[in-house]
Protein backbone atom coordinates (compact mmCIF):
# COMPACT_ATOMS: atom_id res chain seq x y z
CA SER A 1 91.27 96.14 129.33
CA SER A 2 90.19 93.28 127.09
CA GLY A 3 90.41 89.56 127.63
CA ILE A 4 89.15 86.10 126.77
CA ASN A 5 86.71 84.44 129.17
CA ALA A 6 85.89 81.32 127.15
CA GLU A 7 88.18 78.87 125.35
CA TYR A 8 87.97 79.43 121.60
CA GLY A 9 90.33 78.30 118.85
CA ASP A 10 93.84 79.61 119.47
CA PHE A 11 92.72 81.75 122.41
CA LYS A 12 92.70 80.72 126.05
CA VAL A 13 91.10 82.18 129.13
CA GLY A 14 93.06 85.19 130.38
CA ASP A 15 94.61 86.18 127.03
CA GLU A 16 94.93 89.94 126.62
CA VAL A 17 93.47 90.81 123.22
CA TYR A 18 92.93 93.75 120.91
CA GLY A 19 91.07 94.40 117.67
CA VAL A 20 87.68 95.70 116.55
CA VAL A 21 84.23 94.68 117.76
CA ASP A 22 80.76 95.98 116.98
CA GLY A 23 79.72 98.69 119.40
CA SER A 24 83.16 99.02 120.94
CA LEU A 25 82.50 102.46 122.46
CA ALA A 26 81.26 100.79 125.63
CA GLU A 27 82.58 99.65 129.00
CA TYR A 28 81.66 96.02 128.32
CA ASN A 29 81.09 94.08 125.14
CA VAL A 30 80.78 90.48 124.00
CA SER A 31 82.46 89.51 120.76
CA ASP A 32 83.40 86.53 118.69
CA THR A 33 87.10 86.24 117.91
CA LYS A 34 87.18 86.98 114.17
CA GLY A 35 88.26 90.54 114.80
CA LEU A 36 90.61 89.90 117.71
CA ALA A 37 94.20 88.85 118.27
CA VAL A 38 96.54 88.60 121.23
CA LYS A 39 97.69 92.09 122.21
CA PRO A 40 101.27 93.01 121.28
CA LYS A 41 103.38 92.54 124.39
CA SER A 42 105.21 95.84 123.94
CA LEU A 43 102.01 97.90 123.98
CA SER A 44 99.64 98.95 126.72
CA PHE A 45 95.90 98.49 126.25
CA THR A 46 95.62 102.21 125.50
CA GLU A 47 98.25 101.95 122.77
CA ALA A 48 96.76 98.75 121.36
CA ALA A 49 93.36 100.45 121.14
CA ALA A 50 94.82 102.76 118.48
CA LEU A 51 95.68 99.86 116.17
CA GLY A 52 92.32 98.27 115.42
CA VAL A 53 91.20 100.33 112.42
CA ALA A 54 93.95 102.73 111.28
CA TYR A 55 96.89 100.33 111.54
CA LEU A 56 95.17 97.30 110.05
CA THR A 57 93.81 99.51 107.24
CA SER A 58 97.35 100.69 106.45
CA TYR A 59 98.75 97.17 106.69
CA GLN A 60 96.16 95.86 104.23
CA GLY A 61 96.52 98.88 101.97
CA LEU A 62 100.27 98.64 101.66
CA LYS A 63 100.64 94.87 101.62
CA ASN A 64 97.49 93.44 100.04
CA TYR A 65 96.76 96.20 97.55
CA GLY A 66 100.05 98.07 97.15
CA LYS A 67 102.07 94.81 97.08
CA ILE A 68 104.87 96.58 98.91
CA GLN A 69 108.38 95.24 98.35
CA GLU A 70 111.80 95.87 99.85
CA GLY A 71 113.27 99.08 98.48
CA ASP A 72 109.99 100.61 97.26
CA ARG A 73 109.36 104.30 96.87
CA VAL A 74 106.12 105.20 98.68
CA LEU A 75 104.09 108.40 98.83
CA VAL A 76 101.77 108.78 101.85
CA ILE A 77 99.19 111.54 101.37
CA GLY A 78 97.74 112.80 104.65
CA ALA A 79 100.78 111.55 106.50
CA SER A 80 100.04 113.16 109.88
CA GLY A 81 96.52 111.77 110.40
CA GLY A 82 95.63 108.52 112.12
CA THR A 83 95.86 106.30 109.06
CA GLY A 84 98.68 108.34 107.53
CA THR A 85 100.99 108.07 110.53
CA ALA A 86 100.32 104.32 110.54
CA GLY A 87 101.10 104.22 106.82
CA VAL A 88 104.47 105.91 107.27
CA GLN A 89 105.47 103.65 110.16
CA LEU A 90 104.37 100.44 108.43
CA ALA A 91 105.89 101.39 105.07
CA LYS A 92 109.22 101.66 106.86
CA ALA A 93 108.68 98.38 108.73
CA LEU A 94 107.71 96.60 105.51
CA GLY A 95 110.92 97.64 103.77
CA ALA A 96 110.24 100.83 101.80
CA LYS A 97 113.41 102.76 101.03
CA ASP A 98 111.99 106.19 100.17
CA ILE A 99 108.91 107.33 102.10
CA ILE A 100 107.58 110.74 101.13
CA GLY A 101 104.97 112.19 103.45
CA VAL A 102 102.46 114.85 102.41
CA CYS A 103 101.40 116.99 105.37
CA SER A 104 101.48 120.57 106.61
CA GLY A 105 104.81 122.06 107.56
CA ARG A 106 103.87 122.18 111.24
CA ASN A 107 103.72 118.36 111.33
CA ALA A 108 106.82 117.78 109.22
CA GLU A 109 109.18 116.84 112.05
CA LEU A 110 106.74 114.37 113.54
CA VAL A 111 106.25 112.61 110.19
CA ARG A 112 110.02 112.50 109.67
CA SER A 113 110.45 110.94 113.09
CA LEU A 114 108.08 108.14 112.07
CA GLY A 115 110.20 107.16 109.09
CA ALA A 116 109.51 109.62 106.27
CA THR A 117 112.64 110.39 104.27
CA GLU A 118 111.16 113.49 102.67
CA ILE A 119 108.25 115.87 103.32
CA ILE A 120 105.99 117.69 100.88
CA ASP A 121 104.19 120.62 102.53
CA TYR A 122 100.81 120.73 100.79
CA THR A 123 100.26 124.35 101.93
CA LYS A 124 103.14 125.45 99.69
CA GLY A 125 102.23 123.66 96.46
CA SER A 126 101.11 120.44 94.84
CA VAL A 127 102.91 117.11 94.93
CA THR A 128 103.46 117.31 91.17
CA ASP A 129 104.97 120.79 91.39
CA TYR A 130 107.36 119.59 94.09
CA LEU A 131 108.60 116.73 91.90
CA LEU A 132 108.90 118.62 88.60
CA GLU A 133 112.26 118.95 86.88
CA ASN A 134 112.43 120.89 83.62
CA GLY A 135 108.68 120.72 83.23
CA ALA A 136 108.27 116.98 83.83
CA VAL A 137 108.39 114.47 86.69
CA PRO A 138 111.45 112.22 86.23
CA GLU A 139 110.78 108.49 86.20
CA ALA A 140 113.13 108.07 89.17
CA LYS A 141 110.87 110.29 91.28
CA LYS A 142 107.69 108.36 90.52
CA PHE A 143 106.22 105.94 93.02
CA ASP A 144 105.73 102.21 93.46
CA ILE A 145 102.83 102.97 95.83
CA ILE A 146 100.74 106.06 96.43
CA TYR A 147 98.82 105.58 99.67
CA ASP A 148 96.11 108.24 99.73
CA CYS A 149 94.67 108.92 103.18
CA ALA A 150 93.37 112.41 102.36
CA THR A 151 91.09 112.43 99.32
CA ASN A 152 87.46 113.22 100.18
CA SER A 153 88.28 113.56 103.87
CA GLY A 154 86.15 116.65 104.40
CA ALA A 155 87.74 119.73 102.84
CA GLY A 156 87.40 119.02 99.14
CA GLU A 157 90.70 117.17 98.76
CA ASP A 158 91.11 115.14 95.57
CA TYR A 159 94.48 113.59 94.81
CA TYR A 160 93.17 110.83 92.56
CA SER A 161 93.65 112.40 89.12
CA SER A 162 97.03 113.96 89.85
CA SER A 163 98.30 110.70 91.34
CA MET A 164 97.90 108.70 88.14
CA GLY A 165 100.80 110.50 86.45
CA LEU A 166 103.08 109.92 89.45
CA LEU A 167 102.97 106.12 89.38
CA LYS A 168 105.87 104.13 87.98
CA PRO A 169 105.21 102.46 84.63
CA GLY A 170 106.55 99.06 83.60
CA SER A 171 105.80 95.42 84.29
CA ARG A 172 105.19 96.12 87.98
CA HIS A 173 103.05 99.20 87.56
CA GLY A 174 102.83 101.63 90.46
CA GLN A 175 99.75 101.14 92.64
CA TYR A 176 97.32 103.83 93.76
CA VAL A 177 95.70 102.78 97.07
CA ALA A 178 93.01 104.96 98.67
CA ILE A 179 90.92 104.68 101.81
CA ASN A 180 88.32 107.16 100.53
CA GLY A 181 87.23 108.67 97.25
CA SER A 182 84.49 110.37 95.30
CA PRO A 183 81.03 108.78 95.10
CA GLY A 184 81.77 107.84 91.50
CA PHE A 185 85.01 106.10 92.46
CA TRP A 186 83.21 104.17 95.21
CA ILE A 187 80.59 102.97 92.75
CA ARG A 188 83.26 101.89 90.26
CA ALA A 189 85.33 100.21 92.95
CA MET A 190 82.42 98.29 94.45
CA THR A 191 81.12 97.14 91.05
CA GLY A 192 84.47 96.65 89.32
CA ILE A 193 83.39 98.85 86.42
CA ARG A 194 86.11 100.87 84.69
CA VAL A 195 88.64 100.71 87.50
CA GLY A 196 92.27 100.26 86.50
CA ALA A 197 94.11 97.20 87.73
CA ASN A 198 96.42 99.47 89.69
CA GLU A 199 93.66 101.59 91.27
CA HIS A 200 92.39 100.43 94.66
CA LEU A 201 89.70 101.91 96.89
CA PHE A 202 88.99 99.54 99.75
CA LEU A 203 87.39 98.90 103.11
CA MET A 204 89.41 97.28 105.87
CA LYS A 205 88.42 93.67 106.60
CA ARG A 206 89.07 92.59 110.16
CA ASN A 207 90.59 89.16 110.65
CA THR A 208 92.66 87.48 113.32
CA ALA A 209 95.55 86.37 111.09
CA GLU A 210 96.41 89.90 109.98
CA TYR A 211 95.91 91.33 113.46
CA GLN A 212 98.44 88.74 114.66
CA GLU A 213 100.92 89.73 111.93
CA LEU A 214 100.40 93.41 112.72
CA GLY A 215 101.09 92.66 116.38
CA ARG A 216 104.36 90.96 115.47
CA ILE A 217 105.40 94.03 113.48
CA MET A 218 104.51 96.36 116.35
CA ASP A 219 106.53 94.18 118.73
CA GLY A 220 109.54 94.33 116.38
CA LEU A 221 109.48 90.57 115.74
CA GLU A 222 109.70 90.87 111.94
CA GLY A 223 113.21 92.26 111.81
CA GLY A 224 112.49 95.89 112.63
CA GLU A 225 112.33 98.03 115.74
CA PRO A 226 109.23 97.98 117.98
CA ILE A 227 106.65 100.55 116.89
CA LYS A 228 104.54 102.78 119.11
CA PRO A 229 101.29 104.10 117.63
CA VAL A 230 100.95 107.87 117.43
CA ILE A 231 98.36 109.04 119.97
CA GLN A 232 97.48 112.71 120.16
CA ASP A 233 95.13 112.48 123.10
CA GLU A 234 94.16 109.93 125.74
CA LEU A 235 90.80 111.03 127.12
CA PRO A 236 88.49 109.76 129.87
CA PHE A 237 85.48 107.67 128.90
CA ASN A 238 82.80 110.11 130.05
CA GLU A 239 80.50 112.66 128.43
CA GLU A 240 83.06 115.46 128.53
CA GLY A 241 85.88 113.28 127.23
CA LEU A 242 83.79 111.86 124.39
CA LYS A 243 82.69 115.34 123.29
CA GLN A 244 86.25 116.61 123.38
CA GLY A 245 87.50 113.63 121.39
CA PHE A 246 84.87 113.78 118.67
CA ASP A 247 85.18 117.56 118.37
CA LEU A 248 88.90 117.11 117.81
CA LEU A 249 88.27 114.36 115.28
CA LYS A 250 85.79 116.53 113.35
CA SER A 251 88.22 119.48 113.38
CA ARG A 252 90.50 117.50 111.02
CA ARG A 253 93.47 118.71 113.07
CA ALA A 254 94.12 115.53 115.02
CA VAL A 255 97.64 114.19 114.65
CA GLY A 256 97.60 110.42 114.98
CA LYS A 257 94.87 108.72 117.00
CA ILE A 258 92.48 109.73 119.79
CA VAL A 259 91.96 107.06 122.46
CA PHE A 260 89.37 106.85 125.24
CA ASN A 261 90.73 105.27 128.42
CA MET A 262 88.11 103.37 130.41
CA ASP A 263 90.23 103.56 133.55
CA MET A 264 90.73 107.34 133.70
């Protein structure tokens, strides 16, 4: 559990909070409040623990960089991972009409249940091949946002180049938003050299205001249904549990998030 034990700003003693702190893989920690917000009422502490990085990353990616709008067509690459599942759920909550998830066939039903309207099984072909009609991708099938949660994630994935031709043209150009990329892309993104205005590679920035807004979305207070984070495993906070959790994480087969429960 997490709580406030000193009056600070908008927080009061006894508030249940969530977020990200330095060195959070510990039983006790002391933090300032810049990375904290009041915990969503509809979520347990275990569920809220899954939000801190993956869900705020997806919120910032879709809203701040993708400029998501009601009725958008969104492609989520890596849609069954921790950040990808968050991306699908939040794209739906933020008003996207068509949400296409890229994942393996074995995770297709899960991703559909989170809000995806269509699934592309990457084991059966490329995204471009799936969308082709008469040798070209129709404009109607191109995307307002491509949210890439898979490139450079450990198995040689690279969706960057192929994504450029799948973005909608026009005055509101489609946006490519990635949470990882090649070393060259990182250098360009961090220096601002030769990066297109619609190409975004970013690091999540923790802040209370956006954690509060995310909490409202998770509680269903922004016009949608309450959202539960996808948690594959809830493990005990001991040597065996930590090894099991990190082995699963490194296997690249985790679906959703892995959470360590201090009370187990």
